[in-house]
Amino acid sequence: LFFLDADDELPPDFLSIVHGGMEEKCADVAWVWKVSNSAEMRVMKKHPLCGGKDGLSCLESYLRDPWNAQVMVRKSFLESSGIRYTEGLAYAEDVDFFVRLLLEAKQIHVETRTCYIYKKNPYQVTRNIDRIAARKAVDEAFRRLAKWLREQKAPHEIVVEMKKSETKARINLLREALRKGDFSLFRHLIETKETKEALRLARKGLLSGKWYLRSLIIRLFAYYLSPG
């Protein structure tokens, strides 16, 4: 089964390339890179996920360095695992689906050639959705996935990478609230335990220096906007 958005395109040899790679490896899932136009077609051998062969190694790489992608899934694997897209998600539904797929998949075919053309148009949800709503959706998705991975007793490295993603999502939500001048949302978020943990982890060096600086700016605004 392959999931194709209605406004996107596939090259003529897509099925022979991707399905052939899956059959050769008896893979549960094929990972397919997206590009925005056919002139950008290239080989992605240097991406860390390209070295992965099983679901766990690919999941760790995906969380560390996410990139636009789509998946082809063996129908028997999808049926036996019971994994489905989560209904009702307005944003980040692919991330939610991909994480659960990769955790369960045994064998992965990572197609190193980009072969999915992601068309951009002014009517796309990603272009029209309210940015704060989008950041909230990502924040909620990552917190839900982090909890789910712990419940599934996922390997420590994967839980840590998801915690980093969760931390970045909360920092991005706070930054968006500041950008939009939604100070009531910012004040509410800054007092939550999730924000306090995110800022603590960024301060402890869990993330890169860029994220440490972003967390520092958020703490400065929190001090400036605090009552009194």
Protein backbone atom coordinates (compact mmCIF):
# COMPACT_ATOMS: atom_id res chain seq x y z
CA LEU A 1 0.00 0.00 0.00
CA PHE A 2 1.28 3.46 -0.84
CA PHE A 3 -0.08 6.74 0.48
CA LEU A 4 -0.18 9.42 -2.21
CA ASP A 5 -1.54 12.91 -1.59
CA ALA A 6 -4.01 13.96 -4.26
CA ASP A 7 -1.90 16.90 -5.46
CA ASP A 8 1.45 15.08 -5.63
CA GLU A 9 3.05 13.05 -8.44
CA LEU A 10 5.11 9.90 -8.90
CA PRO A 11 7.61 9.29 -11.72
CA PRO A 12 6.67 6.57 -14.27
CA ASP A 13 9.16 4.03 -12.87
CA PHE A 14 8.11 4.54 -9.21
CA LEU A 15 6.44 1.17 -8.67
CA SER A 16 9.21 -0.85 -10.30
CA ILE A 17 11.86 0.94 -8.23
CA VAL A 18 10.21 0.96 -4.80
CA HIS A 19 8.22 -2.26 -4.98
CA GLY A 20 11.25 -4.00 -6.46
CA GLY A 21 13.42 -2.82 -3.57
CA MET A 22 10.87 -4.06 -1.04
CA GLU A 23 10.63 -7.47 -2.64
CA GLU A 24 14.40 -7.85 -2.87
CA LYS A 25 14.73 -7.24 0.88
CA CYS A 26 11.41 -8.79 1.95
CA ALA A 27 10.82 -5.45 3.67
CA ASP A 28 7.80 -4.50 5.76
CA VAL A 29 8.18 -0.82 4.87
CA ALA A 30 9.83 1.20 2.11
CA TRP A 31 11.00 4.71 2.95
CA VAL A 32 10.66 7.14 0.04
CA TRP A 33 12.14 10.65 -0.08
CA LYS A 34 10.12 13.65 -1.29
CA VAL A 35 11.34 16.52 -3.47
CA SER A 36 9.38 19.56 -4.61
CA ASN A 37 10.05 19.14 -8.36
CA SER A 38 11.50 16.58 -10.75
CA ALA A 39 14.64 18.69 -11.33
CA GLU A 40 15.65 17.96 -7.71
CA MET A 41 15.73 14.17 -8.15
CA ARG A 42 18.94 12.85 -6.63
CA VAL A 43 20.53 10.11 -4.54
CA MET A 44 20.33 10.47 -0.74
CA LYS A 45 23.09 8.07 0.30
CA LYS A 46 24.59 10.53 2.80
CA HIS A 47 21.45 10.85 4.90
CA PRO A 48 21.87 8.87 8.16
CA LEU A 49 18.62 6.99 7.64
CA CYS A 50 19.97 5.49 4.42
CA GLY A 51 22.26 3.23 6.44
CA GLY A 52 19.35 1.70 8.36
CA LYS A 53 18.01 -1.75 7.59
CA ASP A 54 15.65 -2.44 10.49
CA GLY A 55 12.88 -0.34 11.97
CA LEU A 56 14.64 0.60 15.19
CA SER A 57 17.79 1.95 13.55
CA CYS A 58 15.70 3.88 11.02
CA LEU A 59 13.46 5.28 13.75
CA GLU A 60 16.43 6.57 15.73
CA SER A 61 17.86 8.22 12.60
CA TYR A 62 14.47 9.67 11.64
CA LEU A 63 13.99 11.28 15.04
CA ARG A 64 17.52 12.66 14.96
CA ASP A 65 17.25 14.08 11.44
CA PRO A 66 13.67 14.16 10.09
CA TRP A 67 13.19 14.84 6.38
CA ASN A 68 10.21 14.92 4.03
CA ALA A 69 9.26 11.34 3.22
CA GLN A 70 6.44 8.95 2.46
CA VAL A 71 6.12 5.19 2.94
CA MET A 72 5.04 2.09 1.08
CA VAL A 73 3.84 -0.60 3.47
CA ARG A 74 3.38 -4.31 2.93
CA LYS A 75 -0.34 -4.97 3.34
CA SER A 76 0.14 -8.11 5.43
CA PHE A 77 2.38 -6.18 7.85
CA LEU A 78 -0.13 -3.35 8.14
CA GLU A 79 -2.94 -5.81 8.85
CA SER A 80 -1.01 -7.88 11.39
CA SER A 81 0.36 -4.83 13.25
CA GLY A 82 -2.98 -3.00 13.34
CA ILE A 83 -1.18 0.32 12.79
CA ARG A 84 -3.32 3.02 11.18
CA TYR A 85 -3.25 6.77 10.72
CA THR A 86 -4.70 8.44 13.81
CA GLU A 87 -7.99 10.03 12.87
CA GLY A 88 -8.70 13.65 13.72
CA LEU A 89 -5.13 14.96 13.55
CA ALA A 90 -4.96 18.31 11.75
CA TYR A 91 -1.17 18.31 11.59
CA ALA A 92 1.82 15.99 12.17
CA GLU A 93 -0.23 12.91 11.22
CA ASP A 94 2.66 11.53 9.14
CA VAL A 95 5.10 11.74 12.05
CA ASP A 96 2.62 9.97 14.29
CA PHE A 97 2.15 7.18 11.71
CA PHE A 98 5.83 6.84 10.79
CA VAL A 99 7.04 6.49 14.40
CA ARG A 100 4.58 3.69 15.13
CA LEU A 101 5.37 1.93 11.85
CA LEU A 102 9.13 2.05 12.30
CA LEU A 103 8.99 0.79 15.88
CA GLU A 104 7.18 -2.37 14.73
CA ALA A 105 8.84 -2.98 11.35
CA LYS A 106 11.57 -5.64 11.17
CA GLN A 107 13.03 -5.00 7.73
CA ILE A 108 13.13 -1.61 5.99
CA HIS A 109 13.92 -0.73 2.40
CA VAL A 110 15.27 2.84 2.32
CA GLU A 111 15.06 3.98 -1.30
CA THR A 112 18.15 6.15 -1.77
CA ARG A 113 16.79 7.77 -4.94
CA THR A 114 14.24 10.50 -4.45
CA CYS A 115 11.12 9.44 -6.31
CA TYR A 116 8.13 11.33 -4.93
CA ILE A 117 7.28 14.80 -6.23
CA TYR A 118 5.70 16.93 -3.52
CA LYS A 119 3.76 19.70 -5.22
CA LYS A 120 3.41 23.07 -3.48
CA ASN A 121 0.26 25.11 -3.97
CA PRO A 122 -1.41 28.03 -2.15
CA TYR A 123 -4.29 25.87 -0.88
CA GLN A 124 -2.24 23.36 1.13
CA VAL A 125 -3.09 22.89 4.79
CA THR A 126 0.56 23.42 5.70
CA ARG A 127 0.44 26.88 4.08
CA ASN A 128 -2.91 27.98 5.47
CA ILE A 129 -3.12 26.48 8.94
CA ASP A 130 -2.67 28.92 11.81
CA ARG A 131 0.97 28.64 12.87
CA ILE A 132 0.16 28.49 16.56
CA ALA A 133 -2.40 25.73 15.89
CA ALA A 134 0.25 23.85 13.90
CA ARG A 135 2.84 24.19 16.66
CA LYS A 136 0.28 23.03 19.22
CA ALA A 137 -0.52 19.98 17.10
CA VAL A 138 3.16 19.03 16.80
CA ASP A 139 3.69 19.61 20.52
CA GLU A 140 0.75 17.36 21.39
CA ALA A 141 1.79 14.69 18.89
CA PHE A 142 5.35 14.47 20.22
CA ARG A 143 4.24 14.35 23.85
CA ARG A 144 1.76 11.59 23.02
CA LEU A 145 4.40 9.64 21.07
CA ALA A 146 6.97 10.04 23.84
CA LYS A 147 4.52 8.56 26.33
CA TRP A 148 3.59 5.77 23.90
CA LEU A 149 7.24 4.84 23.30
CA ARG A 150 7.84 4.57 27.04
CA GLU A 151 4.76 2.36 27.39
CA GLN A 152 6.05 0.16 24.56
CA LYS A 153 9.41 -0.11 26.35
CA ALA A 154 11.24 1.22 23.30
CA PRO A 155 15.07 1.22 23.47
CA HIS A 156 16.59 3.97 25.59
CA GLU A 157 18.24 5.71 22.60
CA ILE A 158 14.89 6.08 20.85
CA VAL A 159 13.14 7.36 23.97
CA VAL A 160 15.92 9.95 24.35
CA GLU A 161 15.63 11.09 20.72
CA MET A 162 11.87 11.45 21.08
CA LYS A 163 12.39 13.44 24.28
CA LYS A 164 14.62 15.80 22.29
CA SER A 165 11.92 16.17 19.65
CA GLU A 166 9.33 16.80 22.37
CA THR A 167 11.56 19.46 23.90
CA LYS A 168 12.09 21.20 20.54
CA ALA A 169 8.35 21.14 19.85
CA ARG A 170 7.57 22.89 23.14
CA ILE A 171 10.28 25.51 22.55
CA ASN A 172 8.93 26.12 19.04
CA LEU A 173 5.40 26.57 20.40
CA LEU A 174 6.65 29.14 22.91
CA ARG A 175 8.58 30.99 20.20
CA GLU A 176 5.50 31.07 17.95
CA ALA A 177 3.40 32.50 20.77
CA LEU A 178 5.98 35.27 21.15
CA ARG A 179 6.10 35.91 17.40
CA LYS A 180 2.33 36.25 17.24
CA GLY A 181 2.20 38.42 20.35
CA ASP A 182 -0.02 35.88 22.12
CA PHE A 183 1.36 36.67 25.56
CA SER A 184 -1.56 35.09 27.42
CA LEU A 185 -0.73 31.73 25.79
CA PHE A 186 2.97 32.27 26.49
CA ARG A 187 2.30 33.01 30.18
CA HIS A 188 0.09 29.94 30.45
CA LEU A 189 2.65 27.65 28.78
CA ILE A 190 5.61 28.94 30.74
CA GLU A 191 4.03 27.79 33.99
CA THR A 192 3.39 24.21 32.89
CA LYS A 193 5.55 21.30 33.99
CA GLU A 194 6.17 20.35 30.34
CA THR A 195 7.73 23.75 29.62
CA LYS A 196 9.80 23.72 32.79
CA GLU A 197 11.16 20.30 31.87
CA ALA A 198 11.88 21.37 28.28
CA LEU A 199 13.80 24.45 29.38
CA ARG A 200 15.67 22.42 31.99
CA LEU A 201 16.73 19.82 29.41
CA ALA A 202 17.84 22.52 26.95
CA ARG A 203 19.81 24.24 29.73
CA LYS A 204 21.49 20.93 30.65
CA GLY A 205 22.79 20.53 27.11
CA LEU A 206 20.44 17.80 25.87
CA LEU A 207 20.10 19.77 22.61
CA SER A 208 22.52 21.74 20.45
CA GLY A 209 23.73 25.26 21.23
CA LYS A 210 21.07 26.73 18.92
CA TRP A 211 18.33 25.31 21.07
CA TYR A 212 20.09 26.39 24.25
CA LEU A 213 20.07 29.98 22.95
CA ARG A 214 16.39 29.73 22.03
CA SER A 215 15.57 28.45 25.50
CA LEU A 216 17.60 31.29 27.02
CA ILE A 217 15.61 33.87 25.03
CA ILE A 218 12.38 32.25 26.22
CA ARG A 219 13.54 32.43 29.84
CA LEU A 220 14.41 36.12 29.40
CA PHE A 221 10.96 36.86 27.98
CA ALA A 222 9.38 34.87 30.80
CA TYR A 223 11.22 37.05 33.32
CA TYR A 224 10.28 40.24 31.44
CA LEU A 225 6.59 39.27 31.18
CA SER A 226 6.24 37.96 34.71
CA PRO A 227 3.92 39.92 37.03
CA GLY A 228 5.72 42.62 38.98
